Amino acid sequence: MEKIDTIKQPRTCDQPGVDKTIVLVGLMGVGKTTVGRRLAKRLGLPFVDADSEIEKAAGCRIPDIFECFGEPAFRDGEMRVICRLLEGEPHVLATGGGAFMNDQTRQAIKDHAVSVWLKADVATLVERTSRRENRPLLKTGDPVKILSDLAETRNPVYAEADLIVESTDGPHEQVVEAIIRALQDHQDRR
Protein backbone atom coordinates (compact mmCIF):
# COMPACT_ATOMS: atom_id res chain seq x y z
CA MET A 1 0.00 0.00 0.00
CA GLU A 2 1.36 3.41 -0.94
CA LYS A 3 1.29 5.69 2.09
CA ILE A 4 1.26 9.31 1.01
CA ASP A 5 1.38 10.73 4.51
CA THR A 6 2.54 8.58 7.39
CA ILE A 7 1.78 11.21 10.03
CA LYS A 8 -1.85 10.81 10.93
CA GLN A 9 -3.75 13.97 11.67
CA PRO A 10 -5.97 13.74 14.73
CA ARG A 11 -9.63 13.32 13.94
CA THR A 12 -11.77 16.29 14.86
CA CYS A 13 -15.34 16.09 16.11
CA ASP A 14 -16.68 17.00 12.64
CA GLN A 15 -14.92 14.07 10.94
CA PRO A 16 -16.47 10.63 10.73
CA GLY A 17 -14.79 7.63 12.27
CA VAL A 18 -13.71 5.30 9.52
CA ASP A 19 -13.96 1.56 9.99
CA LYS A 20 -13.98 0.60 6.30
CA THR A 21 -11.95 1.54 3.26
CA ILE A 22 -13.39 4.47 1.32
CA VAL A 23 -13.39 3.72 -2.41
CA LEU A 24 -13.70 6.58 -4.88
CA VAL A 25 -15.35 5.68 -8.19
CA GLY A 26 -16.29 7.71 -11.25
CA LEU A 27 -15.22 8.62 -14.75
CA MET A 28 -11.66 9.54 -15.63
CA GLY A 29 -10.88 13.15 -14.81
CA VAL A 30 -13.39 13.44 -11.99
CA GLY A 31 -10.58 13.87 -9.44
CA LYS A 32 -10.44 10.51 -7.67
CA THR A 33 -6.66 10.61 -7.12
CA THR A 34 -6.31 14.30 -6.29
CA VAL A 35 -9.33 14.38 -4.01
CA GLY A 36 -8.45 10.97 -2.59
CA ARG A 37 -5.02 12.11 -1.41
CA ARG A 38 -6.53 15.12 0.33
CA LEU A 39 -9.36 13.11 1.84
CA ALA A 40 -6.92 10.53 3.21
CA LYS A 41 -4.82 13.25 4.79
CA ARG A 42 -7.88 14.85 6.39
CA LEU A 43 -9.04 11.51 7.79
CA GLY A 44 -5.58 10.39 8.89
CA LEU A 45 -5.69 7.36 6.60
CA PRO A 46 -3.27 5.94 4.04
CA PHE A 47 -4.03 6.71 0.40
CA VAL A 48 -3.76 4.08 -2.34
CA ASP A 49 -4.15 4.62 -6.07
CA ALA A 50 -5.37 1.42 -7.73
CA ASP A 51 -3.81 2.34 -11.08
CA SER A 52 -0.37 2.72 -9.45
CA GLU A 53 -0.79 -0.64 -7.74
CA ILE A 54 -1.82 -2.26 -11.05
CA GLU A 55 1.29 -0.85 -12.74
CA LYS A 56 3.47 -2.20 -9.91
CA ALA A 57 1.87 -5.64 -10.16
CA ALA A 58 2.17 -5.75 -13.96
CA GLY A 59 5.62 -4.20 -14.13
CA CYS A 60 4.52 -1.76 -16.84
CA ARG A 61 2.36 1.30 -17.45
CA ILE A 62 -1.40 1.04 -17.98
CA PRO A 63 -1.26 2.32 -21.59
CA ASP A 64 1.24 -0.46 -22.31
CA ILE A 65 -1.05 -3.07 -20.73
CA PHE A 66 -3.92 -1.89 -22.96
CA GLU A 67 -1.70 -1.89 -26.05
CA CYS A 68 0.01 -5.25 -25.47
CA PHE A 69 -2.73 -7.29 -23.81
CA GLY A 70 -6.02 -5.44 -24.43
CA GLU A 71 -8.68 -4.07 -22.15
CA PRO A 72 -10.10 -7.45 -20.98
CA ALA A 73 -6.70 -8.50 -19.58
CA PHE A 74 -6.31 -5.12 -17.91
CA ARG A 75 -9.78 -5.36 -16.30
CA ASP A 76 -9.00 -8.85 -14.98
CA GLY A 77 -5.77 -7.66 -13.37
CA GLU A 78 -7.52 -4.55 -12.05
CA MET A 79 -10.16 -6.71 -10.33
CA ARG A 80 -7.53 -8.92 -8.68
CA VAL A 81 -5.49 -5.93 -7.43
CA ILE A 82 -8.54 -4.10 -6.04
CA CYS A 83 -9.78 -7.23 -4.25
CA ARG A 84 -6.34 -7.61 -2.66
CA LEU A 85 -6.31 -3.95 -1.60
CA LEU A 86 -9.73 -4.28 0.05
CA GLU A 87 -8.34 -6.93 2.41
CA GLY A 88 -6.13 -4.49 4.33
CA GLU A 89 -6.72 -1.88 7.00
CA PRO A 90 -9.06 1.03 6.19
CA HIS A 91 -7.63 3.50 3.69
CA VAL A 92 -8.80 5.76 0.87
CA LEU A 93 -8.67 3.97 -2.49
CA ALA A 94 -8.91 5.75 -5.84
CA THR A 95 -9.99 3.38 -8.61
CA GLY A 96 -9.79 3.63 -12.36
CA GLY A 97 -12.89 4.78 -14.24
CA GLY A 98 -13.90 1.30 -15.38
CA ALA A 99 -13.21 -0.61 -12.18
CA PHE A 100 -16.73 -0.31 -10.77
CA MET A 101 -18.17 -1.72 -14.03
CA ASN A 102 -16.81 -5.18 -13.24
CA ASP A 103 -19.48 -7.15 -11.33
CA GLN A 104 -16.93 -8.94 -9.11
CA THR A 105 -15.03 -5.75 -8.31
CA ARG A 106 -18.25 -3.86 -7.56
CA GLN A 107 -19.47 -6.64 -5.25
CA ALA A 108 -16.14 -6.77 -3.42
CA ILE A 109 -16.33 -3.00 -2.89
CA LYS A 110 -19.93 -3.30 -1.64
CA ASP A 111 -18.91 -6.08 0.76
CA HIS A 112 -15.74 -4.49 2.18
CA ALA A 113 -15.86 -0.72 1.69
CA VAL A 114 -17.89 2.46 1.44
CA SER A 115 -18.09 3.58 -2.18
CA VAL A 116 -18.26 7.24 -3.17
CA TRP A 117 -19.21 8.23 -6.72
CA LEU A 118 -17.48 11.47 -7.65
CA LYS A 119 -19.79 12.85 -10.32
CA ALA A 120 -18.99 15.60 -12.84
CA ASP A 121 -20.49 16.82 -16.10
CA VAL A 122 -18.88 15.86 -19.40
CA ALA A 123 -17.59 19.39 -20.16
CA THR A 124 -15.65 19.40 -16.88
CA LEU A 125 -14.26 15.93 -17.59
CA VAL A 126 -13.14 16.89 -21.10
CA GLU A 127 -11.31 19.93 -19.77
CA ARG A 128 -9.60 17.97 -16.98
CA THR A 129 -8.60 14.96 -19.09
CA SER A 130 -7.09 17.20 -21.76
CA ARG A 131 -4.30 18.08 -19.29
CA ARG A 132 -2.82 14.55 -19.32
CA GLU A 133 -1.69 12.15 -22.01
CA ASN A 134 -2.15 8.87 -20.11
CA ARG A 135 -5.80 8.15 -20.95
CA PRO A 136 -5.80 5.11 -23.29
CA LEU A 137 -9.54 5.18 -23.89
CA LEU A 138 -9.40 8.82 -25.08
CA LYS A 139 -6.73 8.13 -27.71
CA THR A 140 -9.21 6.30 -29.94
CA GLY A 141 -11.35 9.25 -31.08
CA ASP A 142 -13.16 12.44 -30.06
CA PRO A 143 -12.85 12.88 -26.27
CA VAL A 144 -16.26 14.61 -26.00
CA LYS A 145 -18.03 11.72 -27.72
CA ILE A 146 -16.04 9.08 -25.83
CA LEU A 147 -16.70 10.68 -22.43
CA SER A 148 -20.38 11.25 -23.28
CA ASP A 149 -20.77 7.61 -24.29
CA LEU A 150 -18.91 6.43 -21.18
CA ALA A 151 -21.11 8.62 -18.96
CA GLU A 152 -24.26 7.25 -20.57
CA THR A 153 -23.12 3.67 -20.03
CA ARG A 154 -21.39 3.97 -16.67
CA ASN A 155 -23.39 6.54 -14.71
CA PRO A 156 -26.28 4.13 -13.97
CA VAL A 157 -23.73 1.70 -12.49
CA TYR A 158 -21.86 4.42 -10.57
CA ALA A 159 -25.25 5.37 -9.11
CA GLU A 160 -25.10 2.08 -7.16
CA ALA A 161 -22.34 3.60 -4.99
CA ASP A 162 -23.13 4.14 -1.32
CA LEU A 163 -22.64 7.90 -1.63
CA ILE A 164 -22.78 10.42 -4.49
CA VAL A 165 -20.76 13.64 -4.36
CA GLU A 166 -20.51 16.31 -7.06
CA SER A 167 -16.97 17.05 -8.23
CA THR A 168 -17.21 20.73 -9.08
CA ASP A 169 -14.87 23.24 -10.71
CA GLY A 170 -14.15 24.77 -7.29
CA PRO A 171 -11.21 23.93 -5.04
CA HIS A 172 -10.64 20.25 -4.30
CA GLU A 173 -11.11 20.99 -0.61
CA GLN A 174 -14.81 21.67 -1.32
CA VAL A 175 -15.18 18.15 -2.68
CA VAL A 176 -13.28 16.75 0.31
CA GLU A 177 -15.64 18.60 2.66
CA ALA A 178 -18.66 17.28 0.76
CA ILE A 179 -17.35 13.70 1.05
CA ILE A 180 -16.73 14.11 4.78
CA ARG A 181 -20.30 15.42 5.27
CA ALA A 182 -21.69 12.53 3.19
CA LEU A 183 -19.65 9.99 5.19
CA GLN A 184 -20.92 11.49 8.45
CA ASP A 185 -24.53 11.34 7.23
CA HIS A 186 -23.99 7.75 6.06
CA GLN A 187 -22.52 6.80 9.43
CA ASP A 188 -25.38 8.48 11.31
CA ARG A 189 -27.93 6.46 9.29
CA ARG A 190 -26.27 3.12 10.15
C-alpha atoms as a PDB file:
ATOM      1  CA  MET A   1       0.000   0.000   0.000  1.00  0.00           C
ATOM      2  CA  GLU A   2       1.360   3.407  -0.937  1.00  0.00           C
ATOM      3  CA  LYS A   3       1.288   5.685   2.089  1.00  0.00           C
ATOM      4  CA  ILE A   4       1.260   9.305   1.014  1.00  0.00           C
ATOM      5  CA  ASP A   5       1.376  10.734   4.511  1.00  0.00           C
ATOM      6  CA  THR A   6       2.538   8.575   7.389  1.00  0.00           C
ATOM      7  CA  ILE A   7       1.779  11.208  10.031  1.00  0.00           C
ATOM      8  CA  LYS A   8      -1.847  10.812  10.930  1.00  0.00           C
ATOM      9  CA  GLN A   9      -3.749  13.970  11.668  1.00  0.00           C
ATOM     10  CA  PRO A  10      -5.967  13.744  14.729  1.00  0.00           C
ATOM     11  CA  ARG A  11      -9.633  13.316  13.935  1.00  0.00           C
ATOM     12  CA  THR A  12     -11.772  16.294  14.863  1.00  0.00           C
ATOM     13  CA  CYS A  13     -15.338  16.086  16.107  1.00  0.00           C
ATOM     14  CA  ASP A  14     -16.679  16.997  12.644  1.00  0.00           C
ATOM     15  CA  GLN A  15     -14.917  14.071  10.939  1.00  0.00           C
ATOM     16  CA  PRO A  16     -16.466  10.635  10.729  1.00  0.00           C
ATOM     17  CA  GLY A  17     -14.790   7.629  12.271  1.00  0.00           C
ATOM     18  CA  VAL A  18     -13.711   5.297   9.516  1.00  0.00           C
ATOM     19  CA  ASP A  19     -13.962   1.561   9.989  1.00  0.00           C
ATOM     20  CA  LYS A  20     -13.978   0.604   6.297  1.00  0.00           C
ATOM     21  CA  THR A  21     -11.950   1.543   3.261  1.00  0.00           C
ATOM     22  CA  ILE A  22     -13.394   4.466   1.317  1.00  0.00           C
ATOM     23  CA  VAL A  23     -13.389   3.715  -2.410  1.00  0.00           C
ATOM     24  CA  LEU A  24     -13.699   6.581  -4.883  1.00  0.00           C
ATOM     25  CA  VAL A  25     -15.345   5.682  -8.191  1.00  0.00           C
ATOM     26  CA  GLY A  26     -16.287   7.710 -11.252  1.00  0.00           C
ATOM     27  CA  LEU A  27     -15.221   8.619 -14.750  1.00  0.00           C
ATOM     28  CA  MET A  28     -11.659   9.542 -15.629  1.00  0.00           C
ATOM     29  CA  GLY A  29     -10.882  13.146 -14.808  1.00  0.00           C
ATOM     30  CA  VAL A  30     -13.387  13.441 -11.991  1.00  0.00           C
ATOM     31  CA  GLY A  31     -10.578  13.874  -9.438  1.00  0.00           C
ATOM     32  CA  LYS A  32     -10.436  10.512  -7.673  1.00  0.00           C
ATOM     33  CA  THR A  33      -6.664  10.609  -7.116  1.00  0.00           C
ATOM     34  CA  THR A  34      -6.305  14.300  -6.293  1.00  0.00           C
ATOM     35  CA  VAL A  35      -9.330  14.384  -4.010  1.00  0.00           C
ATOM     36  CA  GLY A  36      -8.454  10.968  -2.587  1.00  0.00           C
ATOM     37  CA  ARG A  37      -5.018  12.114  -1.413  1.00  0.00           C
ATOM     38  CA  ARG A  38      -6.527  15.125   0.333  1.00  0.00           C
ATOM     39  CA  LEU A  39      -9.358  13.111   1.844  1.00  0.00           C
ATOM     40  CA  ALA A  40      -6.916  10.535   3.206  1.00  0.00           C
ATOM     41  CA  LYS A  41      -4.818  13.246   4.793  1.00  0.00           C
ATOM     42  CA  ARG A  42      -7.875  14.850   6.390  1.00  0.00           C
ATOM     43  CA  LEU A  43      -9.043  11.515   7.792  1.00  0.00           C
ATOM     44  CA  GLY A  44      -5.583  10.385   8.892  1.00  0.00           C
ATOM     45  CA  LEU A  45      -5.687   7.357   6.600  1.00  0.00           C
ATOM     46  CA  PRO A  46      -3.270   5.944   4.043  1.00  0.00           C
ATOM     47  CA  PHE A  47      -4.027   6.710   0.400  1.00  0.00           C
ATOM     48  CA  VAL A  48      -3.764   4.080  -2.338  1.00  0.00           C
ATOM     49  CA  ASP A  49      -4.148   4.620  -6.068  1.00  0.00           C
ATOM     50  CA  ALA A  50      -5.366   1.416  -7.728  1.00  0.00           C
ATOM     51  CA  ASP A  51      -3.813   2.344 -11.080  1.00  0.00           C
ATOM     52  CA  SER A  52      -0.366   2.722  -9.453  1.00  0.00           C
ATOM     53  CA  GLU A  53      -0.790  -0.637  -7.737  1.00  0.00           C
ATOM     54  CA  ILE A  54      -1.817  -2.257 -11.046  1.00  0.00           C
ATOM     55  CA  GLU A  55       1.288  -0.854 -12.735  1.00  0.00           C
ATOM     56  CA  LYS A  56       3.474  -2.201  -9.906  1.00  0.00           C
ATOM     57  CA  ALA A  57       1.872  -5.642 -10.157  1.00  0.00           C
ATOM     58  CA  ALA A  58       2.166  -5.749 -13.958  1.00  0.00           C
ATOM     59  CA  GLY A  59       5.618  -4.197 -14.132  1.00  0.00           C
ATOM     60  CA  CYS A  60       4.519  -1.763 -16.841  1.00  0.00           C
ATOM     61  CA  ARG A  61       2.360   1.302 -17.447  1.00  0.00           C
ATOM     62  CA  ILE A  62      -1.401   1.040 -17.976  1.00  0.00           C
ATOM     63  CA  PRO A  63      -1.263   2.323 -21.586  1.00  0.00           C
ATOM     64  CA  ASP A  64       1.241  -0.462 -22.310  1.00  0.00           C
ATOM     65  CA  ILE A  65      -1.049  -3.073 -20.730  1.00  0.00           C
ATOM     66  CA  PHE A  66      -3.916  -1.885 -22.958  1.00  0.00           C
ATOM     67  CA  GLU A  67      -1.696  -1.893 -26.053  1.00  0.00           C
ATOM     68  CA  CYS A  68       0.006  -5.252 -25.469  1.00  0.00           C
ATOM     69  CA  PHE A  69      -2.730  -7.293 -23.814  1.00  0.00           C
ATOM     70  CA  GLY A  70      -6.016  -5.444 -24.425  1.00  0.00           C
ATOM     71  CA  GLU A  71      -8.682  -4.067 -22.146  1.00  0.00           C
ATOM     72  CA  PRO A  72     -10.104  -7.446 -20.977  1.00  0.00           C
ATOM     73  CA  ALA A  73      -6.698  -8.496 -19.584  1.00  0.00           C
ATOM     74  CA  PHE A  74      -6.312  -5.115 -17.912  1.00  0.00           C
ATOM     75  CA  ARG A  75      -9.779  -5.364 -16.299  1.00  0.00           C
ATOM     76  CA  ASP A  76      -9.003  -8.854 -14.983  1.00  0.00           C
ATOM     77  CA  GLY A  77      -5.771  -7.658 -13.371  1.00  0.00           C
ATOM     78  CA  GLU A  78      -7.520  -4.554 -12.051  1.00  0.00           C
ATOM     79  CA  MET A  79     -10.156  -6.714 -10.331  1.00  0.00           C
ATOM     80  CA  ARG A  80      -7.534  -8.916  -8.683  1.00  0.00           C
ATOM     81  CA  VAL A  81      -5.492  -5.935  -7.432  1.00  0.00           C
ATOM     82  CA  ILE A  82      -8.538  -4.105  -6.041  1.00  0.00           C
ATOM     83  CA  CYS A  83      -9.782  -7.231  -4.254  1.00  0.00           C
ATOM     84  CA  ARG A  84      -6.342  -7.608  -2.660  1.00  0.00           C
ATOM     85  CA  LEU A  85      -6.314  -3.951  -1.599  1.00  0.00           C
ATOM     86  CA  LEU A  86      -9.727  -4.277   0.050  1.00  0.00           C
ATOM     87  CA  GLU A  87      -8.340  -6.934   2.406  1.00  0.00           C
ATOM     88  CA  GLY A  88      -6.129  -4.493   4.334  1.00  0.00           C
ATOM     89  CA  GLU A  89      -6.717  -1.881   7.000  1.00  0.00           C
ATOM     90  CA  PRO A  90      -9.056   1.028   6.189  1.00  0.00           C
ATOM     91  CA  HIS A  91      -7.633   3.500   3.693  1.00  0.00           C
ATOM     92  CA  VAL A  92      -8.800   5.756   0.865  1.00  0.00           C
ATOM     93  CA  LEU A  93      -8.667   3.965  -2.492  1.00  0.00           C
ATOM     94  CA  ALA A  94      -8.907   5.751  -5.841  1.00  0.00           C
ATOM     95  CA  THR A  95      -9.995   3.379  -8.605  1.00  0.00           C
ATOM     96  CA  GLY A  96      -9.790   3.635 -12.362  1.00  0.00           C
ATOM     97  CA  GLY A  97     -12.888   4.783 -14.236  1.00  0.00           C
ATOM     98  CA  GLY A  98     -13.897   1.296 -15.381  1.00  0.00           C
ATOM     99  CA  ALA A  99     -13.209  -0.612 -12.178  1.00  0.00           C
ATOM    100  CA  PHE A 100     -16.729  -0.315 -10.766  1.00  0.00           C
ATOM    101  CA  MET A 101     -18.175  -1.721 -14.030  1.00  0.00           C
ATOM    102  CA  ASN A 102     -16.811  -5.184 -13.244  1.00  0.00           C
ATOM    103  CA  ASP A 103     -19.480  -7.149 -11.328  1.00  0.00           C
ATOM    104  CA  GLN A 104     -16.932  -8.935  -9.109  1.00  0.00           C
ATOM    105  CA  THR A 105     -15.034  -5.746  -8.311  1.00  0.00           C
ATOM    106  CA  ARG A 106     -18.248  -3.857  -7.556  1.00  0.00           C
ATOM    107  CA  GLN A 107     -19.468  -6.642  -5.254  1.00  0.00           C
ATOM    108  CA  ALA A 108     -16.136  -6.768  -3.417  1.00  0.00           C
ATOM    109  CA  ILE A 109     -16.333  -2.999  -2.895  1.00  0.00           C
ATOM    110  CA  LYS A 110     -19.926  -3.301  -1.638  1.00  0.00           C
ATOM    111  CA  ASP A 111     -18.910  -6.075   0.758  1.00  0.00           C
ATOM    112  CA  HIS A 112     -15.744  -4.491   2.180  1.00  0.00           C
ATOM    113  CA  ALA A 113     -15.862  -0.719   1.693  1.00  0.00           C
ATOM    114  CA  VAL A 114     -17.895   2.456   1.439  1.00  0.00           C
ATOM    115  CA  SER A 115     -18.091   3.580  -2.182  1.00  0.00           C
ATOM    116  CA  VAL A 116     -18.263   7.244  -3.173  1.00  0.00           C
ATOM    117  CA  TRP A 117     -19.207   8.232  -6.720  1.00  0.00           C
ATOM    118  CA  LEU A 118     -17.480  11.469  -7.654  1.00  0.00           C
ATOM    119  CA  LYS A 119     -19.794  12.850 -10.316  1.00  0.00           C
ATOM    120  CA  ALA A 120     -18.993  15.601 -12.836  1.00  0.00           C
ATOM    121  CA  ASP A 121     -20.488  16.823 -16.100  1.00  0.00           C
ATOM    122  CA  VAL A 122     -18.881  15.862 -19.404  1.00  0.00           C
ATOM    123  CA  ALA A 123     -17.588  19.387 -20.158  1.00  0.00           C
ATOM    124  CA  THR A 124     -15.649  19.398 -16.880  1.00  0.00           C
ATOM    125  CA  LEU A 125     -14.258  15.928 -17.591  1.00  0.00           C
ATOM    126  CA  VAL A 126     -13.141  16.892 -21.101  1.00  0.00           C
ATOM    127  CA  GLU A 127     -11.305  19.935 -19.769  1.00  0.00           C
ATOM    128  CA  ARG A 128      -9.605  17.974 -16.978  1.00  0.00           C
ATOM    129  CA  THR A 129      -8.601  14.964 -19.090  1.00  0.00           C
ATOM    130  CA  SER A 130      -7.086  17.203 -21.764  1.00  0.00           C
ATOM    131  CA  ARG A 131      -4.300  18.078 -19.293  1.00  0.00           C
ATOM    132  CA  ARG A 132      -2.821  14.552 -19.320  1.00  0.00           C
ATOM    133  CA  GLU A 133      -1.685  12.151 -22.014  1.00  0.00           C
ATOM    134  CA  ASN A 134      -2.148   8.871 -20.109  1.00  0.00           C
ATOM    135  CA  ARG A 135      -5.805   8.149 -20.946  1.00  0.00           C
ATOM    136  CA  PRO A 136      -5.796   5.112 -23.292  1.00  0.00           C
ATOM    137  CA  LEU A 137      -9.542   5.184 -23.895  1.00  0.00           C
ATOM    138  CA  LEU A 138      -9.396   8.816 -25.083  1.00  0.00           C
ATOM    139  CA  LYS A 139      -6.733   8.128 -27.705  1.00  0.00           C
ATOM    140  CA  THR A 140      -9.212   6.301 -29.937  1.00  0.00           C
ATOM    141  CA  GLY A 141     -11.350   9.252 -31.077  1.00  0.00           C
ATOM    142  CA  ASP A 142     -13.159  12.439 -30.064  1.00  0.00           C
ATOM    143  CA  PRO A 143     -12.846  12.875 -26.268  1.00  0.00           C
ATOM    144  CA  VAL A 144     -16.258  14.614 -25.997  1.00  0.00           C
ATOM    145  CA  LYS A 145     -18.029  11.719 -27.716  1.00  0.00           C
ATOM    146  CA  ILE A 146     -16.040   9.083 -25.827  1.00  0.00           C
ATOM    147  CA  LEU A 147     -16.696  10.676 -22.425  1.00  0.00           C
ATOM    148  CA  SER A 148     -20.378  11.254 -23.277  1.00  0.00           C
ATOM    149  CA  ASP A 149     -20.768   7.606 -24.289  1.00  0.00           C
ATOM    150  CA  LEU A 150     -18.911   6.430 -21.179  1.00  0.00           C
ATOM    151  CA  ALA A 151     -21.111   8.619 -18.958  1.00  0.00           C
ATOM    152  CA  GLU A 152     -24.262   7.247 -20.569  1.00  0.00           C
ATOM    153  CA  THR A 153     -23.117   3.666 -20.029  1.00  0.00           C
ATOM    154  CA  ARG A 154     -21.391   3.965 -16.673  1.00  0.00           C
ATOM    155  CA  ASN A 155     -23.392   6.544 -14.709  1.00  0.00           C
ATOM    156  CA  PRO A 156     -26.277   4.132 -13.974  1.00  0.00           C
ATOM    157  CA  VAL A 157     -23.731   1.696 -12.487  1.00  0.00           C
ATOM    158  CA  TYR A 158     -21.861   4.424 -10.573  1.00  0.00           C
ATOM    159  CA  ALA A 159     -25.253   5.366  -9.113  1.00  0.00           C
ATOM    160  CA  GLU A 160     -25.103   2.084  -7.161  1.00  0.00           C
ATOM    161  CA  ALA A 161     -22.342   3.597  -4.993  1.00  0.00           C
ATOM    162  CA  ASP A 162     -23.130   4.140  -1.321  1.00  0.00           C
ATOM    163  CA  LEU A 163     -22.637   7.900  -1.629  1.00  0.00           C
ATOM    164  CA  ILE A 164     -22.776  10.416  -4.489  1.00  0.00           C
ATOM    165  CA  VAL A 165     -20.759  13.643  -4.357  1.00  0.00           C
ATOM    166  CA  GLU A 166     -20.509  16.307  -7.063  1.00  0.00           C
ATOM    167  CA  SER A 167     -16.966  17.054  -8.232  1.00  0.00           C
ATOM    168  CA  THR A 168     -17.210  20.730  -9.084  1.00  0.00           C
ATOM    169  CA  ASP A 169     -14.870  23.242 -10.707  1.00  0.00           C
ATOM    170  CA  GLY A 170     -14.149  24.765  -7.288  1.00  0.00           C
ATOM    171  CA  PRO A 171     -11.210  23.930  -5.035  1.00  0.00           C
ATOM    172  CA  HIS A 172     -10.640  20.247  -4.302  1.00  0.00           C
ATOM    173  CA  GLU A 173     -11.115  20.988  -0.607  1.00  0.00           C
ATOM    174  CA  GLN A 174     -14.807  21.668  -1.317  1.00  0.00           C
ATOM    175  CA  VAL A 175     -15.180  18.151  -2.676  1.00  0.00           C
ATOM    176  CA  VAL A 176     -13.281  16.746   0.312  1.00  0.00           C
ATOM    177  CA  GLU A 177     -15.643  18.603   2.661  1.00  0.00           C
ATOM    178  CA  ALA A 178     -18.661  17.282   0.760  1.00  0.00           C
ATOM    179  CA  ILE A 179     -17.347  13.705   1.049  1.00  0.00           C
ATOM    180  CA  ILE A 180     -16.735  14.107   4.783  1.00  0.00           C
ATOM    181  CA  ARG A 181     -20.296  15.417   5.270  1.00  0.00           C
ATOM    182  CA  ALA A 182     -21.685  12.526   3.188  1.00  0.00           C
ATOM    183  CA  LEU A 183     -19.654   9.988   5.185  1.00  0.00           C
ATOM    184  CA  GLN A 184     -20.920  11.485   8.447  1.00  0.00           C
ATOM    185  CA  ASP A 185     -24.530  11.336   7.232  1.00  0.00           C
ATOM    186  CA  HIS A 186     -23.986   7.745   6.061  1.00  0.00           C
ATOM    187  CA  GLN A 187     -22.524   6.799   9.427  1.00  0.00           C
ATOM    188  CA  ASP A 188     -25.378   8.485  11.306  1.00  0.00           C
ATOM    189  CA  ARG A 189     -27.929   6.463   9.287  1.00  0.00           C
ATOM    190  CA  ARG A 190     -26.275   3.118  10.149  1.00  0.00           C
END
